[in-house]
Structure formats: structure tokens, C-alpha cells
């Protein structure tokens, strides 16, 4: 169940971050409320995840996949540019998540 909760936490973070951008500095009410609700859901599911998965694995996967998905959304939805250095950094993050999952401590 932990990994399912983690997926919901990651999605909550990605939705919350994008609604934060759409809120235009908290000037748009519905996007602001949506962002706050998404972050609340995100942290709720993150806390449920940590009941069954180690903190280091949970946080690495949450942050890593959150960065990757947020970057993809920023390029596709917000039409922001990405450069080679950003792609290399994201690749390193993804590599770190894979290494932690393969060789990190497990229950």
C-alpha cells in the first residue's frame, strides 16, 4: 500500500505546484485553494507512505519523481524551456532514486 500512497503524494505535489504557478502569487482564489488542498493531500499521503516505507526511500522517490513530473508539466503546459544541464540533473536524480531502491535498506 505504501507505494500507492506515494503515487498519490507525488501527484498531489505536482498538481499543487502547478496550481501554485497558476494562482499568480495567490491572486487567483480557486487556484490558490486548489494548490493548498493539493499540498494537504500530498503531505497526508506522504505520511501514510512513511508508515510502511523507509524515510530515505520515500523522500528520494517523492522528491525525485516530483521534480521529473513537474519539469515535464512545465515544458508541456507552461511552455517553459529546458536545457541540457537540466536534463543531466534530472537524469542524475532519477539515477539516485533507482540506486536507493536497488541498494537501500528495506524492511
C-alpha atoms as a PDB file:
ATOM      1  CA  UNK A   1       0.000   0.000   0.000  1.00  0.00           C
ATOM      2  CA  UNK A   2       2.919   2.328   0.687  1.00  0.00           C
ATOM      3  CA  UNK A   3       3.794   2.733  -2.968  1.00  0.00           C
ATOM      4  CA  UNK A   4       0.183   3.534  -3.864  1.00  0.00           C
ATOM      5  CA  UNK A   5       0.120   6.242  -1.190  1.00  0.00           C
ATOM      6  CA  UNK A   6       3.441   7.500  -2.547  1.00  0.00           C
ATOM      7  CA  UNK A   7       1.968   7.846  -6.043  1.00  0.00           C
ATOM      8  CA  UNK A   8      -0.877   9.947  -4.604  1.00  0.00           C
ATOM      9  CA  UNK A   9       1.641  12.069  -2.678  1.00  0.00           C
ATOM     10  CA  UNK A  10       3.684  12.687  -5.833  1.00  0.00           C
ATOM     11  CA  UNK A  11       0.606  13.572  -7.862  1.00  0.00           C
ATOM     12  CA  UNK A  12      -0.576  15.906  -5.100  1.00  0.00           C
ATOM     13  CA  UNK A  13       2.756  17.691  -5.144  1.00  0.00           C
ATOM     14  CA  UNK A  14       2.769  18.057  -8.936  1.00  0.00           C
ATOM     15  CA  UNK A  15      -0.831  19.331  -9.050  1.00  0.00           C
ATOM     16  CA  UNK A  16      -0.219  21.653  -6.086  1.00  0.00           C
ATOM     17  CA  UNK A  17       2.935  23.112  -7.616  1.00  0.00           C
ATOM     18  CA  UNK A  18       1.263  23.770 -10.946  1.00  0.00           C
ATOM     19  CA  UNK A  19      -1.772  25.323  -9.295  1.00  0.00           C
ATOM     20  CA  UNK A  20       0.638  27.467  -7.291  1.00  0.00           C
ATOM     21  CA  UNK A  21       2.023  28.818 -10.562  1.00  0.00           C
ATOM     22  CA  UNK A  22      -1.497  29.287 -11.934  1.00  0.00           C
ATOM     23  CA  UNK A  23      -2.504  31.186  -8.778  1.00  0.00           C
ATOM     24  CA  UNK A  24      -0.317  34.090  -9.894  1.00  0.00           C
ATOM     25  CA  UNK A  25       1.150  34.780  -6.470  1.00  0.00           C
ATOM     26  CA  UNK A  26      -2.056  33.860  -4.618  1.00  0.00           C
ATOM     27  CA  UNK A  27      -4.008  36.414  -6.660  1.00  0.00           C
ATOM     28  CA  UNK A  28      -6.402  33.829  -8.112  1.00  0.00           C
ATOM     29  CA  UNK A  29      -8.669  32.378  -5.422  1.00  0.00           C
ATOM     30  CA  UNK A  30      -9.600  28.977  -6.898  1.00  0.00           C
ATOM     31  CA  UNK A  31      -6.089  28.101  -7.983  1.00  0.00           C
ATOM     32  CA  UNK A  32      -4.785  29.148  -4.560  1.00  0.00           C
ATOM     33  CA  UNK A  33      -7.337  26.998  -2.743  1.00  0.00           C
ATOM     34  CA  UNK A  34      -6.657  24.092  -5.114  1.00  0.00           C
ATOM     35  CA  UNK A  35      -2.928  24.399  -4.502  1.00  0.00           C
ATOM     36  CA  UNK A  36      -3.355  24.394  -0.728  1.00  0.00           C
ATOM     37  CA  UNK A  37      -5.736  21.416  -0.876  1.00  0.00           C
ATOM     38  CA  UNK A  38      -3.338  19.508  -3.145  1.00  0.00           C
ATOM     39  CA  UNK A  39      -0.424  20.108  -0.794  1.00  0.00           C
ATOM     40  CA  UNK A  40      -2.516  18.998   2.195  1.00  0.00           C
ATOM     41  CA  UNK A  41      -3.437  15.791   0.363  1.00  0.00           C
ATOM     42  CA  UNK A  42       0.178  15.364  -0.698  1.00  0.00           C
ATOM     43  CA  UNK A  43       1.505  15.527   2.855  1.00  0.00           C
ATOM     44  CA  UNK A  44      -1.293  13.333   4.157  1.00  0.00           C
ATOM     45  CA  UNK A  45      -0.427  10.582   1.669  1.00  0.00           C
ATOM     46  CA  UNK A  46       3.288  11.118   2.273  1.00  0.00           C
ATOM     47  CA  UNK A  47       2.710  10.499   5.981  1.00  0.00           C
ATOM     48  CA  UNK A  48       0.788   7.302   5.188  1.00  0.00           C
ATOM     49  CA  UNK A  49       3.625   6.191   2.929  1.00  0.00           C
ATOM     50  CA  UNK A  50       6.158   6.531   5.740  1.00  0.00           C
ATOM     51  CA  UNK A  51       4.212   4.067   7.868  1.00  0.00           C
ATOM     52  CA  UNK A  52       5.391   1.241   5.599  1.00  0.00           C
ATOM     53  CA  UNK A  53       8.414   2.555   3.665  1.00  0.00           C
ATOM     54  CA  UNK A  54      11.726   3.885   4.946  1.00  0.00           C
ATOM     55  CA  UNK A  55      12.109   7.655   5.104  1.00  0.00           C
ATOM     56  CA  UNK A  56      15.145   7.768   2.818  1.00  0.00           C
ATOM     57  CA  UNK A  57      13.389   5.761   0.077  1.00  0.00           C
ATOM     58  CA  UNK A  58      10.122   7.663   0.477  1.00  0.00           C
ATOM     59  CA  UNK A  59      11.656  11.106   0.358  1.00  0.00           C
ATOM     60  CA  UNK A  60      14.014  10.326  -2.520  1.00  0.00           C
ATOM     61  CA  UNK A  61      11.213   8.929  -4.646  1.00  0.00           C
ATOM     62  CA  UNK A  62       8.767  11.699  -3.723  1.00  0.00           C
ATOM     63  CA  UNK A  63      11.233  14.482  -4.454  1.00  0.00           C
ATOM     64  CA  UNK A  64      12.802  12.819  -7.493  1.00  0.00           C
ATOM     65  CA  UNK A  65       9.640  11.868  -9.310  1.00  0.00           C
ATOM     66  CA  UNK A  66       8.030  15.150  -8.263  1.00  0.00           C
ATOM     67  CA  UNK A  67      10.864  17.078  -9.914  1.00  0.00           C
ATOM     68  CA  UNK A  68      10.697  14.969 -13.058  1.00  0.00           C
ATOM     69  CA  UNK A  69       6.924  15.247 -13.458  1.00  0.00           C
ATOM     70  CA  UNK A  70       6.877  18.941 -12.574  1.00  0.00           C
ATOM     71  CA  UNK A  71       9.552  19.600 -15.181  1.00  0.00           C
ATOM     72  CA  UNK A  72       7.566  17.696 -17.809  1.00  0.00           C
ATOM     73  CA  UNK A  73       4.418  19.658 -16.992  1.00  0.00           C
ATOM     74  CA  UNK A  74       6.328  22.952 -17.029  1.00  0.00           C
ATOM     75  CA  UNK A  75       7.586  22.213 -20.537  1.00  0.00           C
ATOM     76  CA  UNK A  76       4.293  20.879 -21.928  1.00  0.00           C
ATOM     77  CA  UNK A  77       1.707  23.070 -20.175  1.00  0.00           C
ATOM     78  CA  UNK A  78       3.586  26.247 -19.317  1.00  0.00           C
ATOM     79  CA  UNK A  79       5.812  26.194 -22.427  1.00  0.00           C
ATOM     80  CA  UNK A  80       8.956  26.706 -20.358  1.00  0.00           C
ATOM     81  CA  UNK A  81      12.276  25.809 -21.902  1.00  0.00           C
ATOM     82  CA  UNK A  82      14.673  23.160 -20.652  1.00  0.00           C
ATOM     83  CA  UNK A  83      18.388  22.861 -21.389  1.00  0.00           C
ATOM     84  CA  UNK A  84      20.968  20.089 -21.422  1.00  0.00           C
ATOM     85  CA  UNK A  85      22.162  20.867 -17.885  1.00  0.00           C
ATOM     86  CA  UNK A  86      18.597  20.492 -16.590  1.00  0.00           C
ATOM     87  CA  UNK A  87      18.209  17.171 -18.388  1.00  0.00           C
ATOM     88  CA  UNK A  88      21.507  15.905 -16.973  1.00  0.00           C
ATOM     89  CA  UNK A  89      20.493  16.967 -13.460  1.00  0.00           C
ATOM     90  CA  UNK A  90      17.138  15.224 -13.787  1.00  0.00           C
ATOM     91  CA  UNK A  91      18.942  12.128 -15.073  1.00  0.00           C
ATOM     92  CA  UNK A  92      21.176  12.157 -12.000  1.00  0.00           C
ATOM     93  CA  UNK A  93      18.161  12.478  -9.709  1.00  0.00           C
ATOM     94  CA  UNK A  94      16.487   9.550 -11.426  1.00  0.00           C
ATOM     95  CA  UNK A  95      19.704   7.525 -11.126  1.00  0.00           C
ATOM     96  CA  UNK A  96      19.851   8.295  -7.416  1.00  0.00           C
ATOM     97  CA  UNK A  97      16.274   7.144  -6.900  1.00  0.00           C
ATOM     98  CA  UNK A  98      16.999   3.892  -8.739  1.00  0.00           C
ATOM     99  CA  UNK A  99      20.198   3.286  -6.727  1.00  0.00           C
ATOM    100  CA  UNK A 100      18.402   3.915  -3.423  1.00  0.00           C
ATOM    101  CA  UNK A 101      15.654   1.490  -4.374  1.00  0.00           C
ATOM    102  CA  UNK A 102      18.053  -1.199  -5.538  1.00  0.00           C
ATOM    103  CA  UNK A 103      20.620  -0.958  -2.768  1.00  0.00           C
ATOM    104  CA  UNK A 104      18.949   0.984   0.074  1.00  0.00           C
ATOM    105  CA  UNK A 105      17.723  -0.556   3.275  1.00  0.00           C
ATOM    106  CA  UNK A 106      14.403  -2.379   3.222  1.00  0.00           C
ATOM    107  CA  UNK A 107      12.106  -3.837   5.879  1.00  0.00           C
END
